[in-house]
């Protein structure tokens, strides 16, 4: 079932003070996007290290995010191999490549990301959308 995948950098705006961006992200989250365990992990790390959240708040946010998404895509050896192939073909960073690979494995047609080129289509299947443009 095709879906829409959300990247960590977009999720983080749901926790921020920029009301316009937070509103956009909350609308995306209301549509129950697909996200990967990697996205949850990166979100937890950012919350702890950059945003100063305590561990109890991190646990609550991770639990809430895992409930609002329609599917959690695992990080597997196949995801890693797919990510390495994406990195070879497109020159993306390792972690961005894993996100793209997870979105492709989840049969998503849209990847919401602020880090990748808006409008780019990956492997003829996955379109990168920056929802803030």
Protein backbone atom coordinates (compact mmCIF):
# COMPACT_ATOMS: atom_id res chain seq x y z
CA UNK A 1 0.00 0.00 0.00
CA UNK A 2 1.68 3.25 -1.12
CA UNK A 3 2.14 5.84 1.56
CA UNK A 4 3.97 8.93 2.65
CA UNK A 5 7.15 8.71 4.70
CA UNK A 6 8.36 11.36 7.15
CA UNK A 7 12.02 12.17 7.84
CA UNK A 8 13.48 13.07 11.23
CA UNK A 9 14.13 16.70 10.35
CA UNK A 10 10.40 17.17 9.72
CA UNK A 11 9.35 15.37 12.92
CA UNK A 12 11.58 17.64 15.01
CA UNK A 13 9.57 20.70 13.93
CA UNK A 14 6.53 19.22 15.71
CA UNK A 15 8.43 19.91 18.95
CA UNK A 16 9.63 23.42 18.09
CA UNK A 17 8.44 26.95 18.61
CA UNK A 18 8.02 27.86 14.93
CA UNK A 19 4.22 27.80 14.83
CA UNK A 20 3.95 27.78 11.04
CA UNK A 21 6.29 24.80 10.61
CA UNK A 22 4.79 23.01 13.60
CA UNK A 23 1.34 23.38 12.05
CA UNK A 24 2.52 21.89 8.76
CA UNK A 25 4.08 18.92 10.55
CA UNK A 26 1.04 18.31 12.74
CA UNK A 27 -1.08 18.16 9.58
CA UNK A 28 1.32 15.60 8.08
CA UNK A 29 1.30 13.57 11.29
CA UNK A 30 -2.52 13.63 11.33
CA UNK A 31 -2.42 11.71 8.04
CA UNK A 32 -0.59 8.82 9.75
CA UNK A 33 2.62 8.74 7.69
CA UNK A 34 5.07 5.88 7.64
CA UNK A 35 8.26 6.37 9.62
CA UNK A 36 11.15 4.14 10.45
CA UNK A 37 12.61 3.07 13.74
CA UNK A 38 15.65 5.09 12.62
CA UNK A 39 13.49 8.25 12.56
CA UNK A 40 12.30 7.54 16.10
CA UNK A 41 15.88 6.93 17.23
CA UNK A 42 17.22 10.10 15.60
CA UNK A 43 14.32 12.09 17.09
CA UNK A 44 15.10 10.73 20.56
CA UNK A 45 18.77 11.59 20.14
CA UNK A 46 18.01 15.14 18.98
CA UNK A 47 15.57 15.66 21.82
CA UNK A 48 18.16 14.60 24.39
CA UNK A 49 21.34 16.14 22.98
CA UNK A 50 20.19 19.28 21.18
CA UNK A 51 16.84 20.19 22.71
CA UNK A 52 17.56 19.20 26.34
CA UNK A 53 14.50 17.04 26.95
CA UNK A 54 14.64 14.65 29.89
CA UNK A 55 14.36 10.93 29.22
CA UNK A 56 10.75 10.70 30.44
CA UNK A 57 9.64 13.32 27.91
CA UNK A 58 11.59 11.51 25.18
CA UNK A 59 9.85 8.23 26.00
CA UNK A 60 6.43 9.92 25.84
CA UNK A 61 7.15 11.55 22.48
CA UNK A 62 8.55 8.33 20.97
CA UNK A 63 5.49 6.41 22.20
CA UNK A 64 3.12 9.05 20.80
CA UNK A 65 4.91 9.18 17.44
CA UNK A 66 4.90 5.40 17.12
CA UNK A 67 1.14 5.44 17.68
CA UNK A 68 0.32 8.16 15.12
CA UNK A 69 2.19 6.61 12.22
CA UNK A 70 0.37 4.06 10.13
CA UNK A 71 3.43 1.81 9.94
CA UNK A 72 6.84 1.62 11.55
CA UNK A 73 9.45 0.49 9.07
CA UNK A 74 12.23 -1.55 10.71
CA UNK A 75 15.92 -1.04 10.05
CA UNK A 76 17.18 -4.35 8.69
CA UNK A 77 20.18 -5.70 6.82
CA UNK A 78 18.16 -5.26 3.62
CA UNK A 79 17.60 -1.60 4.56
CA UNK A 80 21.34 -1.17 5.07
CA UNK A 81 22.12 -2.79 1.71
CA UNK A 82 19.47 -0.68 0.02
CA UNK A 83 20.85 2.43 1.69
CA UNK A 84 24.36 1.66 0.48
CA UNK A 85 23.02 1.34 -3.05
CA UNK A 86 21.17 4.67 -2.73
CA UNK A 87 24.39 6.30 -1.48
CA UNK A 88 26.28 4.93 -4.49
CA UNK A 89 23.69 6.06 -7.03
CA UNK A 90 22.74 9.45 -5.59
CA UNK A 91 25.66 10.48 -3.38
CA UNK A 92 23.48 10.96 -0.28
CA UNK A 93 24.90 10.68 3.22
CA UNK A 94 24.71 7.29 4.88
CA UNK A 95 21.82 8.18 7.20
CA UNK A 96 19.83 9.98 4.51
CA UNK A 97 20.32 6.92 2.30
CA UNK A 98 18.91 4.67 5.01
CA UNK A 99 15.82 6.90 5.27
CA UNK A 100 15.33 6.75 1.50
CA UNK A 101 15.84 2.97 1.48
CA UNK A 102 13.30 2.52 4.29
CA UNK A 103 10.76 4.67 2.43
CA UNK A 104 11.26 2.59 -0.72
CA UNK A 105 10.95 -0.66 1.24
CA UNK A 106 7.68 0.61 2.72
CA UNK A 107 6.42 1.22 -0.85
CA UNK A 108 6.02 4.95 -0.19
CA UNK A 109 5.62 7.41 -3.04
CA UNK A 110 6.44 10.56 -1.04
CA UNK A 111 9.25 11.33 1.38
CA UNK A 112 8.81 14.52 3.39
CA UNK A 113 12.30 15.87 4.03
CA UNK A 114 13.96 19.23 4.37
CA UNK A 115 17.44 17.77 3.83
CA UNK A 116 17.08 16.39 0.31
CA UNK A 117 16.36 18.06 -3.03
CA UNK A 118 12.72 19.09 -3.29
CA UNK A 119 11.04 17.44 -6.28
CA UNK A 120 13.76 14.84 -6.84
CA UNK A 121 12.44 11.40 -7.73
CA UNK A 122 14.39 8.40 -6.44
CA UNK A 123 14.44 5.21 -8.51
CA UNK A 124 11.40 6.45 -10.44
CA UNK A 125 9.20 5.75 -7.41
CA UNK A 126 9.80 8.08 -4.48
CA UNK A 127 9.35 11.85 -4.71
CA UNK A 128 11.10 14.12 -2.20
CA UNK A 129 8.83 16.87 -0.90
CA UNK A 130 9.92 19.75 1.33
CA UNK A 131 6.58 20.62 2.94
CA UNK A 132 7.78 24.08 3.96
CA UNK A 133 8.26 25.43 0.42
